[in-house]
Amino acid sequence: MSTIIPEGKNVQQAIKWISANIEENEKQPVKQLVDKAVFKFDLSPKDTEFLTGFFRDRKKE
């Protein structure tokens, strides 16, 4: 299943940032990283929901 990434530059940067953090330490809770990304990249609630789902789906694969 492919996920369509939103066009927003901040969301794309958040995905890269979270992914890099996960690569550094796989044991980091994704929820905590998403929460940090919300403030770091000034994301909307809709963007936050997308990120949560994106990484949840990615984990299943």
PDB file of N, CA and C in Angstrom:
ATOM      1  N   MET A   1       0.847  -1.185   0.000  1.00  0.00           N
ATOM      2  CA  MET A   1       0.000   0.000   0.000  1.00  0.00           C
ATOM      3  C   MET A   1       0.883   1.236   0.000  1.00  0.00           C
ATOM      4  N   SER A   2       0.681   2.129  -0.944  1.00  0.00           N
ATOM      5  CA  SER A   2       1.467   3.348  -0.985  1.00  0.00           C
ATOM      6  C   SER A   2       0.705   4.476  -0.311  1.00  0.00           C
ATOM      7  N   THR A   3       1.464   5.350   0.310  1.00  0.00           N
ATOM      8  CA  THR A   3       0.883   6.492   1.008  1.00  0.00           C
ATOM      9  C   THR A   3       1.206   7.742   0.225  1.00  0.00           C
ATOM     10  N   ILE A   4       0.226   8.582   0.036  1.00  0.00           N
ATOM     11  CA  ILE A   4       0.447   9.847  -0.651  1.00  0.00           C
ATOM     12  C   ILE A   4       0.905  10.867   0.383  1.00  0.00           C
ATOM     13  N   ILE A   5       2.070  11.442   0.132  1.00  0.00           N
ATOM     14  CA  ILE A   5       2.629  12.419   1.062  1.00  0.00           C
ATOM     15  C   ILE A   5       2.067  13.793   0.709  1.00  0.00           C
ATOM     16  N   PRO A   6       1.586  14.526   1.716  1.00  0.00           N
ATOM     17  CA  PRO A   6       1.052  15.865   1.461  1.00  0.00           C
ATOM     18  C   PRO A   6       2.115  16.771   0.847  1.00  0.00           C
ATOM     19  N   GLU A   7       1.653  17.781   0.152  1.00  0.00           N
ATOM     20  CA  GLU A   7       2.563  18.689  -0.535  1.00  0.00           C
ATOM     21  C   GLU A   7       3.302  19.621   0.416  1.00  0.00           C
ATOM     22  N   GLY A   8       2.789  19.814   1.617  1.00  0.00           N
ATOM     23  CA  GLY A   8       3.379  20.769   2.550  1.00  0.00           C
ATOM     24  C   GLY A   8       4.841  20.485   2.846  1.00  0.00           C
ATOM     25  N   LYS A   9       5.655  21.513   2.687  1.00  0.00           N
ATOM     26  CA  LYS A   9       7.092  21.385   2.910  1.00  0.00           C
ATOM     27  C   LYS A   9       7.377  21.001   4.359  1.00  0.00           C
ATOM     28  N   ASN A  10       6.618  21.546   5.293  1.00  0.00           N
ATOM     29  CA  ASN A  10       6.847  21.246   6.705  1.00  0.00           C
ATOM     30  C   ASN A  10       6.582  19.779   7.017  1.00  0.00           C
ATOM     31  N   VAL A  11       5.569  19.206   6.410  1.00  0.00           N
ATOM     32  CA  VAL A  11       5.264  17.788   6.640  1.00  0.00           C
ATOM     33  C   VAL A  11       6.385  16.924   6.069  1.00  0.00           C
ATOM     34  N   GLN A  12       6.864  17.273   4.906  1.00  0.00           N
ATOM     35  CA  GLN A  12       7.952  16.507   4.293  1.00  0.00           C
ATOM     36  C   GLN A  12       9.216  16.584   5.150  1.00  0.00           C
ATOM     37  N   GLN A  13       9.503  17.762   5.684  1.00  0.00           N
ATOM     38  CA  GLN A  13      10.661  17.914   6.557  1.00  0.00           C
ATOM     39  C   GLN A  13      10.479  17.118   7.841  1.00  0.00           C
ATOM     40  N   ALA A  14       9.265  17.096   8.361  1.00  0.00           N
ATOM     41  CA  ALA A  14       8.975  16.343   9.584  1.00  0.00           C
ATOM     42  C   ALA A  14       9.183  14.845   9.339  1.00  0.00           C
ATOM     43  N   ILE A  15       8.742  14.348   8.197  1.00  0.00           N
ATOM     44  CA  ILE A  15       8.922  12.931   7.874  1.00  0.00           C
ATOM     45  C   ILE A  15      10.412  12.593   7.822  1.00  0.00           C
ATOM     46  N   LYS A  16      11.192  13.442   7.181  1.00  0.00           N
ATOM     47  CA  LYS A  16      12.641  13.209   7.093  1.00  0.00           C
ATOM     48  C   LYS A  16      13.281  13.252   8.477  1.00  0.00           C
ATOM     49  N   TRP A  17      12.865  14.210   9.296  1.00  0.00           N
ATOM     50  CA  TRP A  17      13.429  14.374  10.632  1.00  0.00           C
ATOM     51  C   TRP A  17      13.092  13.171  11.516  1.00  0.00           C
ATOM     52  N   ILE A  18      11.834  12.756  11.496  1.00  0.00           N
ATOM     53  CA  ILE A  18      11.412  11.604  12.302  1.00  0.00           C
ATOM     54  C   ILE A  18      12.126  10.345  11.820  1.00  0.00           C
ATOM     55  N   SER A  19      12.200  10.158  10.514  1.00  0.00           N
ATOM     56  CA  SER A  19      12.869   8.978   9.953  1.00  0.00           C
ATOM     57  C   SER A  19      14.339   8.925  10.367  1.00  0.00           C
ATOM     58  N   ALA A  20      15.006  10.067  10.323  1.00  0.00           N
ATOM     59  CA  ALA A  20      16.414  10.127  10.725  1.00  0.00           C
ATOM     60  C   ALA A  20      16.574   9.767  12.200  1.00  0.00           C
ATOM     61  N   ASN A  21      15.654  10.244  13.040  1.00  0.00           N
ATOM     62  CA  ASN A  21      15.713   9.925  14.464  1.00  0.00           C
ATOM     63  C   ASN A  21      15.461   8.442  14.715  1.00  0.00           C
ATOM     64  N   ILE A  22      14.560   7.863  13.959  1.00  0.00           N
ATOM     65  CA  ILE A  22      14.276   6.433  14.104  1.00  0.00           C
ATOM     66  C   ILE A  22      15.494   5.612  13.675  1.00  0.00           C
ATOM     67  N   GLU A  23      16.178   6.048  12.612  1.00  0.00           N
ATOM     68  CA  GLU A  23      17.378   5.336  12.159  1.00  0.00           C
ATOM     69  C   GLU A  23      18.471   5.368  13.219  1.00  0.00           C
ATOM     70  N   GLU A  24      18.586   6.515  13.909  1.00  0.00           N
ATOM     71  CA  GLU A  24      19.583   6.650  14.975  1.00  0.00           C
ATOM     72  C   GLU A  24      19.283   5.721  16.141  1.00  0.00           C
ATOM     73  N   ASN A  25      18.014   5.656  16.506  1.00  0.00           N
ATOM     74  CA  ASN A  25      17.614   4.863  17.667  1.00  0.00           C
ATOM     75  C   ASN A  25      16.219   4.305  17.419  1.00  0.00           C
ATOM     76  N   GLU A  26      16.150   3.054  17.009  1.00  0.00           N
ATOM     77  CA  GLU A  26      14.876   2.428  16.655  1.00  0.00           C
ATOM     78  C   GLU A  26      13.921   2.290  17.837  1.00  0.00           C
ATOM     79  N   LYS A  27      14.449   2.390  19.046  1.00  0.00           N
ATOM     80  CA  LYS A  27      13.612   2.204  20.239  1.00  0.00           C
ATOM     81  C   LYS A  27      12.878   3.472  20.664  1.00  0.00           C
ATOM     82  N   GLN A  28      13.136   4.582  19.984  1.00  0.00           N
ATOM     83  CA  GLN A  28      12.426   5.822  20.310  1.00  0.00           C
ATOM     84  C   GLN A  28      10.953   5.678  19.970  1.00  0.00           C
ATOM     85  N   PRO A  29      10.089   6.090  20.875  1.00  0.00           N
ATOM     86  CA  PRO A  29       8.655   6.020  20.576  1.00  0.00           C
ATOM     87  C   PRO A  29       8.283   7.008  19.459  1.00  0.00           C
ATOM     88  N   VAL A  30       7.635   6.502  18.431  1.00  0.00           N
ATOM     89  CA  VAL A  30       7.246   7.341  17.298  1.00  0.00           C
ATOM     90  C   VAL A  30       6.302   8.447  17.748  1.00  0.00           C
ATOM     91  N   LYS A  31       5.385   8.123  18.645  1.00  0.00           N
ATOM     92  CA  LYS A  31       4.429   9.128  19.141  1.00  0.00           C
ATOM     93  C   LYS A  31       5.169  10.336  19.720  1.00  0.00           C
ATOM     94  N   GLN A  32       6.227  10.068  20.476  1.00  0.00           N
ATOM     95  CA  GLN A  32       7.008  11.143  21.081  1.00  0.00           C
ATOM     96  C   GLN A  32       7.701  11.983  20.000  1.00  0.00           C
ATOM     97  N   LEU A  33       8.221  11.326  18.980  1.00  0.00           N
ATOM     98  CA  LEU A  33       8.867  12.052  17.884  1.00  0.00           C
ATOM     99  C   LEU A  33       7.862  12.896  17.111  1.00  0.00           C
ATOM    100  N   VAL A  34       6.671  12.358  16.886  1.00  0.00           N
ATOM    101  CA  VAL A  34       5.625  13.122  16.189  1.00  0.00           C
ATOM    102  C   VAL A  34       5.254  14.351  17.023  1.00  0.00           C
ATOM    103  N   ASP A  35       5.119  14.177  18.323  1.00  0.00           N
ATOM    104  CA  ASP A  35       4.789  15.305  19.200  1.00  0.00           C
ATOM    105  C   ASP A  35       5.852  16.401  19.114  1.00  0.00           C
ATOM    106  N   LYS A  36       7.120  16.012  19.079  1.00  0.00           N
ATOM    107  CA  LYS A  36       8.206  16.995  18.955  1.00  0.00           C
ATOM    108  C   LYS A  36       8.173  17.671  17.587  1.00  0.00           C
ATOM    109  N   ALA A  37       7.889  16.886  16.546  1.00  0.00           N
ATOM    110  CA  ALA A  37       7.844  17.417  15.187  1.00  0.00           C
ATOM    111  C   ALA A  37       6.733  18.450  15.019  1.00  0.00           C
ATOM    112  N   VAL A  38       5.618  18.262  15.725  1.00  0.00           N
ATOM    113  CA  VAL A  38       4.497  19.205  15.643  1.00  0.00           C
ATOM    114  C   VAL A  38       4.964  20.615  15.970  1.00  0.00           C
ATOM    115  N   PHE A  39       5.756  20.742  17.024  1.00  0.00           N
ATOM    116  CA  PHE A  39       6.234  22.063  17.434  1.00  0.00           C
ATOM    117  C   PHE A  39       7.421  22.524  16.605  1.00  0.00           C
ATOM    118  N   LYS A  40       8.299  21.602  16.278  1.00  0.00           N
ATOM    119  CA  LYS A  40       9.497  21.949  15.507  1.00  0.00           C
ATOM    120  C   LYS A  40       9.155  22.471  14.109  1.00  0.00           C
ATOM    121  N   PHE A  41       8.127  21.867  13.486  1.00  0.00           N
ATOM    122  CA  PHE A  41       7.772  22.225  12.112  1.00  0.00           C
ATOM    123  C   PHE A  41       6.434  22.953  11.999  1.00  0.00           C
ATOM    124  N   ASP A  42       5.858  23.335  13.145  1.00  0.00           N
ATOM    125  CA  ASP A  42       4.598  24.103  13.183  1.00  0.00           C
ATOM    126  C   ASP A  42       3.501  23.428  12.349  1.00  0.00           C
ATOM    127  N   LEU A  43       3.179  22.203  12.730  1.00  0.00           N
ATOM    128  CA  LEU A  43       2.221  21.408  11.964  1.00  0.00           C
ATOM    129  C   LEU A  43       0.790  21.564  12.479  1.00  0.00           C
ATOM    130  N   SER A  44      -0.151  21.397  11.589  1.00  0.00           N
ATOM    131  CA  SER A  44      -1.570  21.484  11.927  1.00  0.00           C
ATOM    132  C   SER A  44      -2.036  20.148  12.509  1.00  0.00           C
ATOM    133  N   PRO A  45      -3.211  20.139  13.123  1.00  0.00           N
ATOM    134  CA  PRO A  45      -3.761  18.863  13.614  1.00  0.00           C
ATOM    135  C   PRO A  45      -3.921  17.830  12.491  1.00  0.00           C
ATOM    136  N   LYS A  46      -4.294  18.285  11.307  1.00  0.00           N
ATOM    137  CA  LYS A  46      -4.432  17.369  10.163  1.00  0.00           C
ATOM    138  C   LYS A  46      -3.077  16.776   9.780  1.00  0.00           C
ATOM    139  N   ASP A  47      -2.033  17.599   9.797  1.00  0.00           N
ATOM    140  CA  ASP A  47      -0.683  17.117   9.507  1.00  0.00           C
ATOM    141  C   ASP A  47      -0.237  16.107  10.561  1.00  0.00           C
ATOM    142  N   THR A  48      -0.561  16.387  11.810  1.00  0.00           N
ATOM    143  CA  THR A  48      -0.207  15.500  12.913  1.00  0.00           C
ATOM    144  C   THR A  48      -0.876  14.146  12.743  1.00  0.00           C
ATOM    145  N   GLU A  49      -2.131  14.166  12.371  1.00  0.00           N
ATOM    146  CA  GLU A  49      -2.877  12.929  12.138  1.00  0.00           C
ATOM    147  C   GLU A  49      -2.242  12.135  10.990  1.00  0.00           C
ATOM    148  N   PHE A  50      -1.852  12.854   9.945  1.00  0.00           N
ATOM    149  CA  PHE A  50      -1.205  12.189   8.806  1.00  0.00           C
ATOM    150  C   PHE A  50       0.097  11.519   9.247  1.00  0.00           C
ATOM    151  N   LEU A  51       0.938  12.249   9.996  1.00  0.00           N
ATOM    152  CA  LEU A  51       2.215  11.690  10.432  1.00  0.00           C
ATOM    153  C   LEU A  51       2.026  10.444  11.289  1.00  0.00           C
ATOM    154  N   THR A  52       1.082  10.499  12.201  1.00  0.00           N
ATOM    155  CA  THR A  52       0.807   9.358  13.072  1.00  0.00           C
ATOM    156  C   THR A  52       0.421   8.141  12.239  1.00  0.00           C
ATOM    157  N   GLY A  53      -0.473   8.333  11.299  1.00  0.00           N
ATOM    158  CA  GLY A  53      -0.894   7.237  10.430  1.00  0.00           C
ATOM    159  C   GLY A  53       0.220   6.760   9.521  1.00  0.00           C
ATOM    160  N   PHE A  54       0.993   7.677   9.005  1.00  0.00           N
ATOM    161  CA  PHE A  54       2.091   7.344   8.098  1.00  0.00           C
ATOM    162  C   PHE A  54       3.088   6.415   8.778  1.00  0.00           C
ATOM    163  N   PHE A  55       3.497   6.760   9.987  1.00  0.00           N
ATOM    164  CA  PHE A  55       4.491   5.941  10.675  1.00  0.00           C
ATOM    165  C   PHE A  55       3.882   4.671  11.261  1.00  0.00           C
ATOM    166  N   ARG A  56       2.604   4.686  11.591  1.00  0.00           N
ATOM    167  CA  ARG A  56       1.932   3.469  12.052  1.00  0.00           C
ATOM    168  C   ARG A  56       1.869   2.462  10.897  1.00  0.00           C
ATOM    169  N   ASP A  57       1.480   2.934   9.707  1.00  0.00           N
ATOM    170  CA  ASP A  57       1.406   2.070   8.533  1.00  0.00           C
ATOM    171  C   ASP A  57       2.788   1.569   8.121  1.00  0.00           C
ATOM    172  N   ARG A  58       3.761   2.420   8.249  1.00  0.00           N
ATOM    173  CA  ARG A  58       5.138   2.068   7.878  1.00  0.00           C
ATOM    174  C   ARG A  58       5.667   0.977   8.800  1.00  0.00           C
ATOM    175  N   LYS A  59       5.307   1.043  10.058  1.00  0.00           N
ATOM    176  CA  LYS A  59       5.756   0.051  11.039  1.00  0.00           C
ATOM    177  C   LYS A  59       5.177  -1.332  10.718  1.00  0.00           C
ATOM    178  N   LYS A  60       3.944  -1.359  10.197  1.00  0.00           N
ATOM    179  CA  LYS A  60       3.274  -2.625   9.878  1.00  0.00           C
ATOM    180  C   LYS A  60       3.957  -3.342   8.708  1.00  0.00           C
ATOM    181  N   GLU A  61       4.561  -2.553   7.811  1.00  0.00           N
ATOM    182  CA  GLU A  61       5.188  -3.128   6.607  1.00  0.00           C
ATOM    183  C   GLU A  61       6.461  -3.776   6.921  1.00  0.00           C
TER     184      GLU A  61
END
